[in-house]
Amino acid sequence: MNSTTINFELPTFLIQQLGLDTQVINQEVRRMVALFLYEHQRISLSKACEIGGFTLWEFFELNRQLAIDLPYTADDLQDDLARLAHVEH
């Protein structure tokens, strides 16, 4: 995956208040961006997992912890079931 580096500043008090580890802050920001973009239906579930470095289960668990609604419809379920049926054969 091609990537672009984006630099921005966060106030030190915010980092401390949120208890963010400065050693892993890049990963934390990537995860939050992935969650935000998925929640607002800008990227797919698989792309959110890729960008955030999540497994599918980690992604669902973090959404649950943060009380983020997943835009998962009945059509999405049917698509997933069809894909699973195709893989099993």
PDB file of N, CA and C in Angstrom:
ATOM      1  N   MET A   1       0.856  -1.176   0.000  1.00  0.00           N
ATOM      2  CA  MET A   1       0.000   0.000   0.000  1.00  0.00           C
ATOM      3  C   MET A   1       0.897   1.233   0.000  1.00  0.00           C
ATOM      4  N   ASN A   2       0.650   2.125  -0.933  1.00  0.00           N
ATOM      5  CA  ASN A   2       1.344   3.407  -0.924  1.00  0.00           C
ATOM      6  C   ASN A   2       0.835   4.220   0.244  1.00  0.00           C
ATOM      7  N   SER A   3       1.680   5.078   0.771  1.00  0.00           N
ATOM      8  CA  SER A   3       1.234   5.872   1.909  1.00  0.00           C
ATOM      9  C   SER A   3       1.806   7.280   1.831  1.00  0.00           C
ATOM     10  N   THR A   4       1.153   8.171   2.553  1.00  0.00           N
ATOM     11  CA  THR A   4       1.576   9.547   2.687  1.00  0.00           C
ATOM     12  C   THR A   4       1.761   9.832   4.167  1.00  0.00           C
ATOM     13  N   THR A   5       2.820  10.502   4.507  1.00  0.00           N
ATOM     14  CA  THR A   5       3.062  10.869   5.896  1.00  0.00           C
ATOM     15  C   THR A   5       2.422  12.222   6.168  1.00  0.00           C
ATOM     16  N   ILE A   6       1.682  12.282   7.274  1.00  0.00           N
ATOM     17  CA  ILE A   6       1.025  13.515   7.684  1.00  0.00           C
ATOM     18  C   ILE A   6       1.532  13.847   9.081  1.00  0.00           C
ATOM     19  N   ASN A   7       2.019  15.049   9.239  1.00  0.00           N
ATOM     20  CA  ASN A   7       2.508  15.489  10.545  1.00  0.00           C
ATOM     21  C   ASN A   7       1.574  16.549  11.107  1.00  0.00           C
ATOM     22  N   PHE A   8       1.282  16.445  12.386  1.00  0.00           N
ATOM     23  CA  PHE A   8       0.507  17.478  13.058  1.00  0.00           C
ATOM     24  C   PHE A   8       0.887  17.475  14.530  1.00  0.00           C
ATOM     25  N   GLU A   9       0.553  18.538  15.192  1.00  0.00           N
ATOM     26  CA  GLU A   9       0.919  18.686  16.586  1.00  0.00           C
ATOM     27  C   GLU A   9      -0.291  18.473  17.484  1.00  0.00           C
ATOM     28  N   LEU A  10      -0.045  17.846  18.614  1.00  0.00           N
ATOM     29  CA  LEU A  10      -1.049  17.692  19.660  1.00  0.00           C
ATOM     30  C   LEU A  10      -0.481  18.314  20.927  1.00  0.00           C
ATOM     31  N   PRO A  11      -1.299  19.025  21.676  1.00  0.00           N
ATOM     32  CA  PRO A  11      -0.811  19.602  22.931  1.00  0.00           C
ATOM     33  C   PRO A  11      -0.358  18.504  23.896  1.00  0.00           C
ATOM     34  N   THR A  12       0.746  18.749  24.570  1.00  0.00           N
ATOM     35  CA  THR A  12       1.292  17.783  25.521  1.00  0.00           C
ATOM     36  C   THR A  12       0.274  17.420  26.590  1.00  0.00           C
ATOM     37  N   PHE A  13      -0.482  18.419  27.086  1.00  0.00           N
ATOM     38  CA  PHE A  13      -1.460  18.117  28.136  1.00  0.00           C
ATOM     39  C   PHE A  13      -2.505  17.127  27.648  1.00  0.00           C
ATOM     40  N   LEU A  14      -2.860  17.186  26.361  1.00  0.00           N
ATOM     41  CA  LEU A  14      -3.848  16.261  25.823  1.00  0.00           C
ATOM     42  C   LEU A  14      -3.298  14.840  25.795  1.00  0.00           C
ATOM     43  N   ILE A  15      -2.063  14.702  25.363  1.00  0.00           N
ATOM     44  CA  ILE A  15      -1.415  13.390  25.336  1.00  0.00           C
ATOM     45  C   ILE A  15      -1.399  12.805  26.751  1.00  0.00           C
ATOM     46  N   GLN A  16      -1.029  13.640  27.707  1.00  0.00           N
ATOM     47  CA  GLN A  16      -0.953  13.178  29.094  1.00  0.00           C
ATOM     48  C   GLN A  16      -2.341  12.878  29.655  1.00  0.00           C
ATOM     49  N   GLN A  17      -3.296  13.763  29.390  1.00  0.00           N
ATOM     50  CA  GLN A  17      -4.647  13.598  29.911  1.00  0.00           C
ATOM     51  C   GLN A  17      -5.295  12.324  29.380  1.00  0.00           C
ATOM     52  N   LEU A  18      -5.047  12.016  28.125  1.00  0.00           N
ATOM     53  CA  LEU A  18      -5.634  10.825  27.518  1.00  0.00           C
ATOM     54  C   LEU A  18      -4.840   9.564  27.828  1.00  0.00           C
ATOM     55  N   GLY A  19      -3.684   9.753  28.432  1.00  0.00           N
ATOM     56  CA  GLY A  19      -2.859   8.599  28.772  1.00  0.00           C
ATOM     57  C   GLY A  19      -2.264   7.924  27.554  1.00  0.00           C
ATOM     58  N   LEU A  20      -2.021   8.695  26.491  1.00  0.00           N
ATOM     59  CA  LEU A  20      -1.451   8.123  25.274  1.00  0.00           C
ATOM     60  C   LEU A  20       0.044   7.923  25.445  1.00  0.00           C
ATOM     61  N   ASP A  21       0.519   6.821  24.970  1.00  0.00           N
ATOM     62  CA  ASP A  21       1.939   6.504  24.997  1.00  0.00           C
ATOM     63  C   ASP A  21       2.567   7.118  23.755  1.00  0.00           C
ATOM     64  N   THR A  22       3.494   8.041  23.949  1.00  0.00           N
ATOM     65  CA  THR A  22       4.086   8.730  22.793  1.00  0.00           C
ATOM     66  C   THR A  22       4.839   7.777  21.874  1.00  0.00           C
ATOM     67  N   GLN A  23       5.195   6.618  22.372  1.00  0.00           N
ATOM     68  CA  GLN A  23       5.895   5.641  21.542  1.00  0.00           C
ATOM     69  C   GLN A  23       4.958   4.982  20.520  1.00  0.00           C
ATOM     70  N   VAL A  24       3.657   4.951  20.827  1.00  0.00           N
ATOM     71  CA  VAL A  24       2.716   4.275  19.934  1.00  0.00           C
ATOM     72  C   VAL A  24       1.613   5.213  19.439  1.00  0.00           C
ATOM     73  N   ILE A  25       1.834   6.510  19.577  1.00  0.00           N
ATOM     74  CA  ILE A  25       0.778   7.455  19.222  1.00  0.00           C
ATOM     75  C   ILE A  25       0.419   7.410  17.736  1.00  0.00           C
ATOM     76  N   ASN A  26       1.386   7.164  16.868  1.00  0.00           N
ATOM     77  CA  ASN A  26       1.068   7.065  15.443  1.00  0.00           C
ATOM     78  C   ASN A  26       0.054   5.966  15.176  1.00  0.00           C
ATOM     79  N   GLN A  27       0.251   4.817  15.811  1.00  0.00           N
ATOM     80  CA  GLN A  27      -0.688   3.703  15.635  1.00  0.00           C
ATOM     81  C   GLN A  27      -2.062   4.059  16.198  1.00  0.00           C
ATOM     82  N   GLU A  28      -2.082   4.728  17.344  1.00  0.00           N
ATOM     83  CA  GLU A  28      -3.362   5.113  17.946  1.00  0.00           C
ATOM     84  C   GLU A  28      -4.120   6.073  17.042  1.00  0.00           C
ATOM     85  N   VAL A  29      -3.426   7.035  16.461  1.00  0.00           N
ATOM     86  CA  VAL A  29      -4.077   7.991  15.560  1.00  0.00           C
ATOM     87  C   VAL A  29      -4.592   7.270  14.322  1.00  0.00           C
ATOM     88  N   ARG A  30      -3.797   6.355  13.776  1.00  0.00           N
ATOM     89  CA  ARG A  30      -4.247   5.580  12.607  1.00  0.00           C
ATOM     90  C   ARG A  30      -5.525   4.804  12.929  1.00  0.00           C
ATOM     91  N   ARG A  31      -5.583   4.215  14.114  1.00  0.00           N
ATOM     92  CA  ARG A  31      -6.771   3.457  14.517  1.00  0.00           C
ATOM     93  C   ARG A  31      -7.995   4.363  14.627  1.00  0.00           C
ATOM     94  N   MET A  32      -7.813   5.521  15.230  1.00  0.00           N
ATOM     95  CA  MET A  32      -8.940   6.446  15.392  1.00  0.00           C
ATOM     96  C   MET A  32      -9.420   6.976  14.030  1.00  0.00           C
ATOM     97  N   VAL A  33      -8.491   7.257  13.132  1.00  0.00           N
ATOM     98  CA  VAL A  33      -8.873   7.708  11.795  1.00  0.00           C
ATOM     99  C   VAL A  33      -9.637   6.594  11.075  1.00  0.00           C
ATOM    100  N   ALA A  34      -9.160   5.368  11.183  1.00  0.00           N
ATOM    101  CA  ALA A  34      -9.843   4.238  10.548  1.00  0.00           C
ATOM    102  C   ALA A  34     -11.252   4.070  11.102  1.00  0.00           C
ATOM    103  N   LEU A  35     -11.397   4.156  12.424  1.00  0.00           N
ATOM    104  CA  LEU A  35     -12.717   4.056  13.044  1.00  0.00           C
ATOM    105  C   LEU A  35     -13.640   5.173  12.565  1.00  0.00           C
ATOM    106  N   PHE A  36     -13.123   6.380  12.548  1.00  0.00           N
ATOM    107  CA  PHE A  36     -13.921   7.539  12.127  1.00  0.00           C
ATOM    108  C   PHE A  36     -14.371   7.394  10.669  1.00  0.00           C
ATOM    109  N   LEU A  37     -13.451   7.050   9.794  1.00  0.00           N
ATOM    110  CA  LEU A  37     -13.799   6.934   8.373  1.00  0.00           C
ATOM    111  C   LEU A  37     -14.804   5.814   8.130  1.00  0.00           C
ATOM    112  N   TYR A  38     -14.655   4.708   8.851  1.00  0.00           N
ATOM    113  CA  TYR A  38     -15.616   3.618   8.699  1.00  0.00           C
ATOM    114  C   TYR A  38     -16.982   4.020   9.241  1.00  0.00           C
ATOM    115  N   GLU A  39     -16.988   4.630  10.420  1.00  0.00           N
ATOM    116  CA  GLU A  39     -18.251   5.048  11.032  1.00  0.00           C
ATOM    117  C   GLU A  39     -19.022   5.991  10.114  1.00  0.00           C
ATOM    118  N   HIS A  40     -18.318   6.837   9.383  1.00  0.00           N
ATOM    119  CA  HIS A  40     -18.953   7.797   8.481  1.00  0.00           C
ATOM    120  C   HIS A  40     -19.061   7.272   7.050  1.00  0.00           C
ATOM    121  N   GLN A  41     -18.884   5.956   6.928  1.00  0.00           N
ATOM    122  CA  GLN A  41     -19.079   5.233   5.670  1.00  0.00           C
ATOM    123  C   GLN A  41     -18.233   5.782   4.529  1.00  0.00           C
ATOM    124  N   ARG A  42     -17.013   6.172   4.854  1.00  0.00           N
ATOM    125  CA  ARG A  42     -16.082   6.669   3.845  1.00  0.00           C
ATOM    126  C   ARG A  42     -15.173   5.562   3.321  1.00  0.00           C
ATOM    127  N   ILE A  43     -14.987   4.494   4.137  1.00  0.00           N
ATOM    128  CA  ILE A  43     -14.160   3.353   3.738  1.00  0.00           C
ATOM    129  C   ILE A  43     -14.868   2.067   4.156  1.00  0.00           C
ATOM    130  N   SER A  44     -14.441   0.975   3.546  1.00  0.00           N
ATOM    131  CA  SER A  44     -15.029  -0.331   3.854  1.00  0.00           C
ATOM    132  C   SER A  44     -14.461  -0.883   5.157  1.00  0.00           C
ATOM    133  N   LEU A  45     -15.105  -1.917   5.655  1.00  0.00           N
ATOM    134  CA  LEU A  45     -14.659  -2.590   6.862  1.00  0.00           C
ATOM    135  C   LEU A  45     -13.244  -3.138   6.681  1.00  0.00           C
ATOM    136  N   SER A  46     -13.004  -3.798   5.566  1.00  0.00           N
ATOM    137  CA  SER A  46     -11.673  -4.379   5.349  1.00  0.00           C
ATOM    138  C   SER A  46     -10.611  -3.287   5.235  1.00  0.00           C
ATOM    139  N   LYS A  47     -10.943  -2.163   4.623  1.00  0.00           N
ATOM    140  CA  LYS A  47      -9.989  -1.052   4.507  1.00  0.00           C
ATOM    141  C   LYS A  47      -9.732  -0.437   5.881  1.00  0.00           C
ATOM    142  N   ALA A  48     -10.767  -0.336   6.714  1.00  0.00           N
ATOM    143  CA  ALA A  48     -10.591   0.196   8.067  1.00  0.00           C
ATOM    144  C   ALA A  48      -9.643  -0.700   8.867  1.00  0.00           C
ATOM    145  N   CYS A  49      -9.815  -2.004   8.740  1.00  0.00           N
ATOM    146  CA  CYS A  49      -8.927  -2.936   9.442  1.00  0.00           C
ATOM    147  C   CYS A  49      -7.495  -2.810   8.921  1.00  0.00           C
ATOM    148  N   GLU A  50      -7.353  -2.658   7.627  1.00  0.00           N
ATOM    149  CA  GLU A  50      -6.020  -2.517   7.038  1.00  0.00           C
ATOM    150  C   GLU A  50      -5.337  -1.230   7.521  1.00  0.00           C
ATOM    151  N   ILE A  51      -6.040  -0.113   7.438  1.00  0.00           N
ATOM    152  CA  ILE A  51      -5.469   1.176   7.834  1.00  0.00           C
ATOM    153  C   ILE A  51      -5.134   1.192   9.323  1.00  0.00           C
ATOM    154  N   GLY A  52      -6.042   0.671  10.138  1.00  0.00           N
ATOM    155  CA  GLY A  52      -5.857   0.703  11.580  1.00  0.00           C
ATOM    156  C   GLY A  52      -4.978  -0.402  12.137  1.00  0.00           C
ATOM    157  N   GLY A  53      -4.641  -1.369  11.294  1.00  0.00           N
ATOM    158  CA  GLY A  53      -3.838  -2.493  11.772  1.00  0.00           C
ATOM    159  C   GLY A  53      -4.611  -3.403  12.707  1.00  0.00           C
ATOM    160  N   PHE A  54      -5.921  -3.502  12.494  1.00  0.00           N
ATOM    161  CA  PHE A  54      -6.804  -4.319  13.319  1.00  0.00           C
ATOM    162  C   PHE A  54      -7.018  -5.680  12.687  1.00  0.00           C
ATOM    163  N   THR A  55      -7.274  -6.674  13.539  1.00  0.00           N
ATOM    164  CA  THR A  55      -7.952  -7.851  13.037  1.00  0.00           C
ATOM    165  C   THR A  55      -9.437  -7.477  13.020  1.00  0.00           C
ATOM    166  N   LEU A  56     -10.223  -8.242  12.344  1.00  0.00           N
ATOM    167  CA  LEU A  56     -11.652  -7.975  12.297  1.00  0.00           C
ATOM    168  C   LEU A  56     -12.243  -7.969  13.703  1.00  0.00           C
ATOM    169  N   TRP A  57     -11.845  -8.916  14.538  1.00  0.00           N
ATOM    170  CA  TRP A  57     -12.392  -9.024  15.887  1.00  0.00           C
ATOM    171  C   TRP A  57     -11.936  -7.860  16.771  1.00  0.00           C
ATOM    172  N   GLU A  58     -10.697  -7.420  16.601  1.00  0.00           N
ATOM    173  CA  GLU A  58     -10.218  -6.252  17.356  1.00  0.00           C
ATOM    174  C   GLU A  58     -11.028  -5.015  16.974  1.00  0.00           C
ATOM    175  N   PHE A  59     -11.316  -4.889  15.687  1.00  0.00           N
ATOM    176  CA  PHE A  59     -12.085  -3.746  15.203  1.00  0.00           C
ATOM    177  C   PHE A  59     -13.479  -3.745  15.823  1.00  0.00           C
ATOM    178  N   PHE A  60     -14.151  -4.886  15.803  1.00  0.00           N
ATOM    179  CA  PHE A  60     -15.497  -4.975  16.383  1.00  0.00           C
ATOM    180  C   PHE A  60     -15.468  -4.695  17.882  1.00  0.00           C
ATOM    181  N   GLU A  61     -14.460  -5.215  18.568  1.00  0.00           N
ATOM    182  CA  GLU A  61     -14.364  -5.008  20.016  1.00  0.00           C
ATOM    183  C   GLU A  61     -14.140  -3.530  20.347  1.00  0.00           C
ATOM    184  N   LEU A  62     -13.285  -2.856  19.605  1.00  0.00           N
ATOM    185  CA  LEU A  62     -13.046  -1.439  19.868  1.00  0.00           C
ATOM    186  C   LEU A  62     -14.293  -0.613  19.564  1.00  0.00           C
ATOM    187  N   ASN A  63     -15.008  -0.959  18.518  1.00  0.00           N
ATOM    188  CA  ASN A  63     -16.278  -0.292  18.228  1.00  0.00           C
ATOM    189  C   ASN A  63     -17.257  -0.474  19.381  1.00  0.00           C
ATOM    190  N   ARG A  64     -17.298  -1.678  19.933  1.00  0.00           N
ATOM    191  CA  ARG A  64     -18.184  -1.946  21.059  1.00  0.00           C
ATOM    192  C   ARG A  64     -17.780  -1.110  22.271  1.00  0.00           C
ATOM    193  N   GLN A  65     -16.482  -1.090  22.569  1.00  0.00           N
ATOM    194  CA  GLN A  65     -15.992  -0.339  23.729  1.00  0.00           C
ATOM    195  C   GLN A  65     -16.282   1.158  23.599  1.00  0.00           C
ATOM    196  N   LEU A  66     -16.179   1.679  22.390  1.00  0.00           N
ATOM    197  CA  LEU A  66     -16.398   3.106  22.158  1.00  0.00           C
ATOM    198  C   LEU A  66     -17.854   3.431  21.831  1.00  0.00           C
ATOM    199  N   ALA A  67     -18.713   2.418  21.834  1.00  0.00           N
ATOM    200  CA  ALA A  67     -20.142   2.579  21.541  1.00  0.00           C
ATOM    201  C   ALA A  67     -20.369   3.223  20.177  1.00  0.00           C
ATOM    202  N   ILE A  68     -19.607   2.764  19.192  1.00  0.00           N
ATOM    203  CA  ILE A  68     -19.760   3.254  17.826  1.00  0.00           C
ATOM    204  C   ILE A  68     -20.670   2.288  17.084  1.00  0.00           C
ATOM    205  N   ASP A  69     -21.725   2.824  16.487  1.00  0.00           N
ATOM    206  CA  ASP A  69     -22.624   1.991  15.696  1.00  0.00           C
ATOM    207  C   ASP A  69     -21.937   1.568  14.413  1.00  0.00           C
ATOM    208  N   LEU A  70     -22.106   0.310  14.081  1.00  0.00           N
ATOM    209  CA  LEU A  70     -21.544  -0.197  12.837  1.00  0.00           C
ATOM    210  C   LEU A  70     -22.597  -0.082  11.741  1.00  0.00           C
ATOM    211  N   PRO A  71     -22.240   0.544  10.634  1.00  0.00           N
ATOM    212  CA  PRO A  71     -23.198   0.642   9.528  1.00  0.00           C
ATOM    213  C   PRO A  71     -23.246  -0.673   8.740  1.00  0.00           C
ATOM    214  N   TYR A  72     -23.707  -1.724   9.404  1.00  0.00           N
ATOM    215  CA  TYR A  72     -23.770  -3.051   8.810  1.00  0.00           C
ATOM    216  C   TYR A  72     -25.233  -3.381   8.558  1.00  0.00           C
ATOM    217  N   THR A  73     -25.582  -3.539   7.297  1.00  0.00           N
ATOM    218  CA  THR A  73     -26.979  -3.726   6.925  1.00  0.00           C
ATOM    219  C   THR A  73     -27.295  -5.194   6.641  1.00  0.00           C
ATOM    220  N   ALA A  74     -28.558  -5.458   6.436  1.00  0.00           N
ATOM    221  CA  ALA A  74     -28.990  -6.807   6.047  1.00  0.00           C
ATOM    222  C   ALA A  74     -28.360  -7.197   4.712  1.00  0.00           C
ATOM    223  N   ASP A  75     -28.205  -6.229   3.814  1.00  0.00           N
ATOM    224  CA  ASP A  75     -27.547  -6.503   2.534  1.00  0.00           C
ATOM    225  C   ASP A  75     -26.082  -6.891   2.743  1.00  0.00           C
ATOM    226  N   ASP A  76     -25.410  -6.226   3.692  1.00  0.00           N
ATOM    227  CA  ASP A  76     -24.028  -6.580   4.009  1.00  0.00           C
ATOM    228  C   ASP A  76     -23.952  -8.022   4.501  1.00  0.00           C
ATOM    229  N   LEU A  77     -24.904  -8.399   5.347  1.00  0.00           N
ATOM    230  CA  LEU A  77     -24.942  -9.767   5.856  1.00  0.00           C
ATOM    231  C   LEU A  77     -25.127 -10.765   4.715  1.00  0.00           C
ATOM    232  N   GLN A  78     -26.045 -10.477   3.816  1.00  0.00           N
ATOM    233  CA  GLN A  78     -26.272 -11.374   2.677  1.00  0.00           C
ATOM    234  C   GLN A  78     -25.013 -11.494   1.814  1.00  0.00           C
ATOM    235  N   ASP A  79     -24.330 -10.382   1.593  1.00  0.00           N
ATOM    236  CA  ASP A  79     -23.081 -10.412   0.822  1.00  0.00           C
ATOM    237  C   ASP A  79     -22.031 -11.276   1.516  1.00  0.00           C
ATOM    238  N   ASP A  80     -21.902 -11.109   2.833  1.00  0.00           N
ATOM    239  CA  ASP A  80     -20.931 -11.898   3.586  1.00  0.00           C
ATOM    240  C   ASP A  80     -21.279 -13.382   3.561  1.00  0.00           C
ATOM    241  N   LEU A  81     -22.548 -13.702   3.720  1.00  0.00           N
ATOM    242  CA  LEU A  81     -22.969 -15.101   3.666  1.00  0.00           C
ATOM    243  C   LEU A  81     -22.712 -15.713   2.295  1.00  0.00           C
ATOM    244  N   ALA A  82     -22.947 -14.942   1.251  1.00  0.00           N
ATOM    245  CA  ALA A  82     -22.685 -15.426  -0.109  1.00  0.00           C
ATOM    246  C   ALA A  82     -21.187 -15.672  -0.308  1.00  0.00           C
ATOM    247  N   ARG A  83     -20.350 -14.770   0.201  1.00  0.00           N
ATOM    248  CA  ARG A  83     -18.903 -14.952   0.085  1.00  0.00           C
ATOM    249  C   ARG A  83     -18.449 -16.199   0.841  1.00  0.00           C
ATOM    250  N   LEU A  84     -19.008 -16.392   2.044  1.00  0.00           N
ATOM    251  CA  LEU A  84     -18.650 -17.563   2.834  1.00  0.00           C
ATOM    252  C   LEU A  84     -19.083 -18.853   2.133  1.00  0.00           C
ATOM    253  N   ALA A  85     -20.249 -18.853   1.555  1.00  0.00           N
ATOM    254  CA  ALA A  85     -20.730 -20.032   0.835  1.00  0.00           C
ATOM    255  C   ALA A  85     -19.830 -20.340  -0.341  1.00  0.00           C
ATOM    256  N   HIS A  86     -19.351 -19.307  -1.010  1.00  0.00           N
ATOM    257  CA  HIS A  86     -18.455 -19.479  -2.156  1.00  0.00           C
ATOM    258  C   HIS A  86     -17.095 -20.027  -1.719  1.00  0.00           C
ATOM    259  N   VAL A  87     -16.603 -19.593  -0.577  1.00  0.00           N
ATOM    260  CA  VAL A  87     -15.307 -20.042  -0.069  1.00  0.00           C
ATOM    261  C   VAL A  87     -15.351 -21.494   0.356  1.00  0.00           C
ATOM    262  N   GLU A  88     -16.484 -21.929   0.910  1.00  0.00           N
ATOM    263  CA  GLU A  88     -16.598 -23.300   1.408  1.00  0.00           C
ATOM    264  C   GLU A  88     -16.563 -24.324   0.299  1.00  0.00           C
ATOM    265  N   HIS A  89     -16.909 -23.945  -0.928  1.00  0.00           N
ATOM    266  CA  HIS A  89     -16.964 -24.922  -2.025  1.00  0.00           C
ATOM    267  C   HIS A  89     -15.666 -25.020  -2.721  1.00  0.00           C
TER     268      HIS A  89
END
